[in-house]
């Protein structure tokens, strides 16, 4: 793997599945959240522009750090290089496998 890891983070948000690339991810100090920092979007120098990626780039413009609820995370992979960021709409009846939504609280001992 590269010296600076790149992570592909796939998560569910508002009836869409987001696939983004980031240089840093952490378990947040806010209970139940994952911090996603330094989002990577492909720098396109040619004439071809992916409108879906441009839409996401605009959505995350000015965002320093995103907090994604753990139960929304579908998968996190460490990859060799970034790909195309995208958001895919779910059709009615589509199912998404997510982390369990039960989060145990502090014990009452």
N, C-alpha and C. Protein backbone atom coordinates (compact mmCIF):
# COMPACT_ATOMS: atom_id res chain seq x y z
N UNK A 1 0.83 -1.19 0.00
CA UNK A 1 0.00 0.00 0.00
C UNK A 1 0.88 1.25 0.00
N UNK A 2 0.30 2.35 -0.40
CA UNK A 2 1.02 3.61 -0.45
C UNK A 2 1.32 4.11 0.96
N UNK A 3 2.31 5.00 1.07
CA UNK A 3 2.67 5.54 2.38
C UNK A 3 1.54 6.39 2.95
N UNK A 4 0.78 7.08 2.11
CA UNK A 4 -0.39 7.83 2.54
C UNK A 4 -1.63 7.03 2.14
N UNK A 5 -2.24 6.34 3.10
CA UNK A 5 -3.38 5.49 2.73
C UNK A 5 -4.56 6.30 2.22
N UNK A 6 -5.32 5.67 1.36
CA UNK A 6 -6.56 6.24 0.84
C UNK A 6 -7.66 5.26 1.21
N UNK A 7 -8.77 5.79 1.71
CA UNK A 7 -9.88 4.96 2.15
C UNK A 7 -11.10 5.22 1.28
N UNK A 8 -11.76 4.13 0.91
CA UNK A 8 -13.05 4.23 0.23
C UNK A 8 -14.11 3.99 1.31
N UNK A 9 -14.97 4.96 1.52
CA UNK A 9 -15.99 4.89 2.55
C UNK A 9 -17.35 4.83 1.86
N UNK A 10 -18.10 3.77 2.14
CA UNK A 10 -19.43 3.61 1.55
C UNK A 10 -20.43 3.70 2.70
N UNK A 11 -21.38 4.62 2.57
CA UNK A 11 -22.37 4.80 3.63
C UNK A 11 -23.73 5.19 3.05
N UNK A 12 -24.76 4.98 3.87
CA UNK A 12 -26.14 5.25 3.50
C UNK A 12 -26.55 6.60 4.06
N UNK A 13 -27.17 7.44 3.22
CA UNK A 13 -27.62 8.76 3.68
C UNK A 13 -28.81 9.20 2.84
N UNK A 14 -29.95 9.45 3.47
CA UNK A 14 -31.14 9.99 2.83
C UNK A 14 -31.51 9.26 1.54
N UNK A 15 -31.69 7.96 1.66
CA UNK A 15 -32.11 7.08 0.56
C UNK A 15 -31.11 7.04 -0.60
N UNK A 16 -29.84 7.31 -0.28
CA UNK A 16 -28.77 7.19 -1.26
C UNK A 16 -27.60 6.47 -0.63
N UNK A 17 -26.83 5.77 -1.46
CA UNK A 17 -25.60 5.16 -1.02
C UNK A 17 -24.45 6.00 -1.57
N UNK A 18 -23.67 6.58 -0.67
CA UNK A 18 -22.53 7.42 -1.03
C UNK A 18 -21.27 6.57 -1.05
N UNK A 19 -20.43 6.81 -2.02
CA UNK A 19 -19.11 6.19 -2.09
C UNK A 19 -18.11 7.32 -2.28
N UNK A 20 -17.33 7.59 -1.23
CA UNK A 20 -16.38 8.70 -1.26
C UNK A 20 -14.99 8.18 -0.90
N UNK A 21 -13.99 8.97 -1.25
CA UNK A 21 -12.60 8.62 -0.96
C UNK A 21 -12.02 9.68 -0.04
N UNK A 22 -11.26 9.23 0.96
CA UNK A 22 -10.71 10.15 1.94
C UNK A 22 -9.30 9.71 2.33
N UNK A 23 -8.53 10.66 2.85
CA UNK A 23 -7.18 10.35 3.29
C UNK A 23 -7.12 10.02 4.77
N UNK A 24 -8.18 10.32 5.51
CA UNK A 24 -8.17 10.05 6.95
C UNK A 24 -9.57 9.71 7.44
N UNK A 25 -9.66 8.66 8.25
CA UNK A 25 -10.91 8.31 8.93
C UNK A 25 -10.57 7.94 10.37
N UNK A 26 -11.46 8.30 11.27
CA UNK A 26 -11.26 8.06 12.69
C UNK A 26 -12.57 7.72 13.36
N UNK A 27 -12.47 7.04 14.50
CA UNK A 27 -13.62 6.91 15.36
C UNK A 27 -13.75 8.25 16.08
N UNK A 28 -14.89 8.85 16.03
CA UNK A 28 -15.09 10.18 16.57
C UNK A 28 -15.20 10.18 18.08
N UNK A 29 -14.91 11.32 18.67
CA UNK A 29 -15.15 11.50 20.09
C UNK A 29 -16.65 11.62 20.37
N UNK A 30 -17.42 11.98 19.33
CA UNK A 30 -18.88 11.98 19.46
C UNK A 30 -19.32 10.53 19.35
N UNK A 31 -19.94 10.03 20.38
CA UNK A 31 -20.30 8.62 20.46
C UNK A 31 -21.14 8.18 19.26
N UNK A 32 -20.70 7.12 18.59
CA UNK A 32 -21.47 6.54 17.49
C UNK A 32 -21.19 7.13 16.12
N UNK A 33 -20.14 7.91 15.97
CA UNK A 33 -19.84 8.53 14.68
C UNK A 33 -18.43 8.19 14.23
N UNK A 34 -18.24 8.17 12.91
CA UNK A 34 -16.95 8.03 12.26
C UNK A 34 -16.61 9.39 11.63
N UNK A 35 -15.40 9.87 11.83
CA UNK A 35 -14.96 11.11 11.21
C UNK A 35 -14.29 10.79 9.87
N UNK A 36 -14.71 11.47 8.85
CA UNK A 36 -14.13 11.31 7.51
C UNK A 36 -13.53 12.66 7.13
N UNK A 37 -12.21 12.68 6.95
CA UNK A 37 -11.50 13.93 6.67
C UNK A 37 -10.77 13.87 5.33
N UNK A 38 -10.49 15.03 4.80
CA UNK A 38 -9.70 15.18 3.59
C UNK A 38 -10.26 14.35 2.44
N UNK A 39 -11.50 14.67 2.06
CA UNK A 39 -12.14 13.99 0.95
C UNK A 39 -11.34 14.23 -0.33
N UNK A 40 -11.28 13.20 -1.16
CA UNK A 40 -10.52 13.25 -2.40
C UNK A 40 -11.49 13.17 -3.58
N UNK A 41 -11.40 14.13 -4.45
CA UNK A 41 -12.17 14.10 -5.69
C UNK A 41 -11.18 14.18 -6.83
N UNK A 42 -11.44 13.43 -7.89
CA UNK A 42 -10.52 13.41 -9.03
C UNK A 42 -10.36 14.78 -9.64
N UNK A 43 -9.14 15.15 -9.90
CA UNK A 43 -8.86 16.41 -10.59
C UNK A 43 -8.90 16.12 -12.08
N UNK A 44 -9.86 16.67 -12.75
CA UNK A 44 -10.05 16.42 -14.17
C UNK A 44 -9.43 17.54 -14.98
N UNK A 45 -8.40 17.21 -15.73
CA UNK A 45 -7.76 18.23 -16.56
C UNK A 45 -8.27 18.19 -18.00
N UNK A 46 -8.98 17.14 -18.34
CA UNK A 46 -9.48 17.02 -19.70
C UNK A 46 -10.87 17.59 -19.85
N UNK A 47 -11.48 17.33 -20.98
CA UNK A 47 -12.81 17.84 -21.26
C UNK A 47 -13.91 16.98 -20.65
N UNK A 48 -13.60 15.73 -20.32
CA UNK A 48 -14.61 14.85 -19.77
C UNK A 48 -14.79 15.11 -18.27
N UNK A 49 -16.02 15.38 -17.89
CA UNK A 49 -16.34 15.65 -16.49
C UNK A 49 -17.49 14.74 -16.10
N UNK A 50 -17.36 14.07 -14.97
CA UNK A 50 -18.43 13.20 -14.48
C UNK A 50 -19.40 14.06 -13.68
N UNK A 51 -20.64 14.24 -14.17
CA UNK A 51 -21.58 15.12 -13.47
C UNK A 51 -21.93 14.62 -12.07
N UNK A 52 -21.96 13.31 -11.86
CA UNK A 52 -22.27 12.77 -10.53
C UNK A 52 -21.18 13.13 -9.53
N UNK A 53 -19.92 13.02 -9.96
CA UNK A 53 -18.82 13.38 -9.07
C UNK A 53 -18.78 14.89 -8.83
N UNK A 54 -19.07 15.67 -9.85
CA UNK A 54 -19.10 17.12 -9.69
C UNK A 54 -20.19 17.54 -8.71
N UNK A 55 -21.33 16.84 -8.73
CA UNK A 55 -22.42 17.14 -7.80
C UNK A 55 -21.97 16.87 -6.36
N UNK A 56 -21.30 15.74 -6.14
CA UNK A 56 -20.79 15.43 -4.80
C UNK A 56 -19.70 16.42 -4.39
N UNK A 57 -18.86 16.79 -5.32
CA UNK A 57 -17.81 17.75 -5.02
C UNK A 57 -18.43 19.07 -4.56
N UNK A 58 -19.50 19.47 -5.19
CA UNK A 58 -20.22 20.68 -4.78
C UNK A 58 -20.89 20.52 -3.43
N UNK A 59 -21.45 19.34 -3.19
CA UNK A 59 -22.13 19.08 -1.92
C UNK A 59 -21.15 19.15 -0.74
N UNK A 60 -19.92 18.68 -0.96
CA UNK A 60 -18.93 18.65 0.11
C UNK A 60 -17.95 19.83 0.03
N UNK A 61 -18.23 20.81 -0.83
CA UNK A 61 -17.35 21.98 -0.93
C UNK A 61 -17.31 22.71 0.41
N UNK A 62 -16.13 23.02 0.86
CA UNK A 62 -15.97 23.74 2.12
C UNK A 62 -16.09 22.88 3.36
N UNK A 63 -16.30 21.58 3.19
CA UNK A 63 -16.42 20.68 4.34
C UNK A 63 -15.03 20.22 4.76
N UNK A 64 -14.68 20.50 5.99
CA UNK A 64 -13.38 20.09 6.51
C UNK A 64 -13.44 18.65 7.00
N UNK A 65 -14.54 18.29 7.63
CA UNK A 65 -14.67 16.96 8.24
C UNK A 65 -16.15 16.59 8.24
N UNK A 66 -16.45 15.34 7.90
CA UNK A 66 -17.82 14.84 7.96
C UNK A 66 -17.93 13.82 9.08
N UNK A 67 -19.04 13.85 9.77
CA UNK A 67 -19.33 12.88 10.82
C UNK A 67 -20.43 11.97 10.31
N UNK A 68 -20.10 10.70 10.12
CA UNK A 68 -21.04 9.73 9.57
C UNK A 68 -21.46 8.80 10.71
N UNK A 69 -22.76 8.64 10.94
CA UNK A 69 -23.19 7.70 11.99
C UNK A 69 -22.70 6.29 11.69
N UNK A 70 -22.21 5.60 12.72
CA UNK A 70 -21.68 4.24 12.52
C UNK A 70 -22.69 3.31 11.88
N UNK A 71 -23.97 3.44 12.26
CA UNK A 71 -24.97 2.53 11.71
C UNK A 71 -25.26 2.80 10.24
N UNK A 72 -24.77 3.93 9.71
CA UNK A 72 -24.94 4.22 8.29
C UNK A 72 -23.80 3.69 7.43
N UNK A 73 -22.69 3.33 8.07
CA UNK A 73 -21.53 2.84 7.33
C UNK A 73 -21.82 1.44 6.80
N UNK A 74 -21.58 1.26 5.53
CA UNK A 74 -21.74 -0.05 4.91
C UNK A 74 -20.39 -0.75 4.84
N UNK A 75 -19.35 0.00 4.46
CA UNK A 75 -18.03 -0.61 4.29
C UNK A 75 -16.96 0.46 4.23
N UNK A 76 -15.77 0.14 4.74
CA UNK A 76 -14.60 1.00 4.63
C UNK A 76 -13.46 0.14 4.12
N UNK A 77 -12.85 0.54 3.01
CA UNK A 77 -11.72 -0.19 2.42
C UNK A 77 -10.52 0.74 2.32
N UNK A 78 -9.33 0.20 2.56
CA UNK A 78 -8.10 0.92 2.25
C UNK A 78 -7.73 0.52 0.83
N UNK A 79 -7.57 1.50 -0.05
CA UNK A 79 -7.33 1.23 -1.46
C UNK A 79 -6.00 1.85 -1.89
N UNK A 80 -5.50 1.41 -3.05
CA UNK A 80 -4.23 1.92 -3.55
C UNK A 80 -4.35 3.30 -4.18
N UNK A 81 -5.48 3.58 -4.83
CA UNK A 81 -5.69 4.90 -5.41
C UNK A 81 -7.18 5.21 -5.41
N UNK A 82 -7.47 6.52 -5.48
CA UNK A 82 -8.87 6.92 -5.44
C UNK A 82 -9.58 6.58 -6.73
N UNK A 83 -10.87 6.45 -6.63
CA UNK A 83 -11.72 6.21 -7.79
C UNK A 83 -12.67 7.38 -7.94
N UNK A 84 -13.79 7.12 -8.56
CA UNK A 84 -14.79 8.16 -8.79
C UNK A 84 -15.78 8.15 -7.64
N UNK A 85 -15.95 9.29 -7.00
CA UNK A 85 -16.94 9.43 -5.94
C UNK A 85 -18.32 9.42 -6.58
N UNK A 86 -19.30 8.81 -5.88
CA UNK A 86 -20.65 8.77 -6.45
C UNK A 86 -21.68 8.61 -5.35
N UNK A 87 -22.89 8.98 -5.69
CA UNK A 87 -24.06 8.77 -4.83
C UNK A 87 -25.09 8.07 -5.69
N UNK A 88 -25.55 6.92 -5.22
CA UNK A 88 -26.50 6.11 -5.98
C UNK A 88 -27.84 6.12 -5.28
N UNK A 89 -28.91 6.45 -6.00
CA UNK A 89 -30.25 6.41 -5.43
C UNK A 89 -30.70 4.98 -5.23
N UNK A 90 -31.38 4.73 -4.12
CA UNK A 90 -31.96 3.41 -3.88
C UNK A 90 -33.38 3.39 -4.41
N UNK A 91 -33.74 2.31 -5.02
CA UNK A 91 -35.10 2.13 -5.50
C UNK A 91 -35.93 1.54 -4.36
N UNK A 92 -37.23 1.73 -4.40
CA UNK A 92 -38.07 1.15 -3.36
C UNK A 92 -37.91 -0.36 -3.38
N UNK A 93 -37.74 -0.93 -2.21
CA UNK A 93 -37.53 -2.37 -2.10
C UNK A 93 -36.08 -2.77 -2.00
N UNK A 94 -35.15 -1.87 -2.38
CA UNK A 94 -33.72 -2.18 -2.25
C UNK A 94 -33.36 -2.24 -0.77
N UNK A 95 -32.50 -3.16 -0.43
CA UNK A 95 -32.05 -3.30 0.95
C UNK A 95 -30.57 -2.96 1.02
N UNK A 96 -30.17 -2.39 2.15
CA UNK A 96 -28.78 -2.02 2.38
C UNK A 96 -28.32 -2.71 3.64
N UNK A 97 -27.21 -3.46 3.55
CA UNK A 97 -26.63 -4.10 4.72
C UNK A 97 -25.81 -3.06 5.46
N UNK A 98 -26.13 -2.84 6.74
CA UNK A 98 -25.44 -1.84 7.54
C UNK A 98 -24.95 -2.48 8.83
N UNK A 99 -24.08 -1.72 9.53
CA UNK A 99 -23.70 -2.16 10.86
C UNK A 99 -24.96 -2.22 11.71
N UNK A 100 -24.98 -3.08 12.73
CA UNK A 100 -26.15 -3.11 13.61
C UNK A 100 -26.39 -1.74 14.23
N UNK A 101 -27.66 -1.38 14.39
CA UNK A 101 -27.98 -0.06 14.92
C UNK A 101 -28.03 -0.05 16.45
N UNK A 102 -27.97 -1.21 17.10
CA UNK A 102 -27.96 -1.24 18.56
C UNK A 102 -26.60 -0.83 19.08
N UNK A 103 -26.57 0.18 19.91
CA UNK A 103 -25.33 0.65 20.50
C UNK A 103 -25.49 0.54 22.01
N UNK A 104 -24.75 -0.39 22.65
CA UNK A 104 -24.89 -0.52 24.10
C UNK A 104 -24.41 0.74 24.80
N UNK A 105 -25.13 1.11 25.81
CA UNK A 105 -24.76 2.27 26.62
C UNK A 105 -23.89 1.85 27.79
N UNK A 106 -23.52 2.79 28.61
CA UNK A 106 -22.71 2.46 29.81
C UNK A 106 -23.49 1.55 30.74
N UNK A 107 -22.76 0.66 31.37
CA UNK A 107 -23.43 -0.25 32.31
C UNK A 107 -23.83 0.50 33.56
N UNK A 108 -24.85 0.01 34.23
CA UNK A 108 -25.35 0.67 35.43
C UNK A 108 -24.80 0.05 36.70
N UNK A 109 -23.61 -0.55 36.60
CA UNK A 109 -23.00 -1.19 37.79
C UNK A 109 -22.55 -0.19 38.80
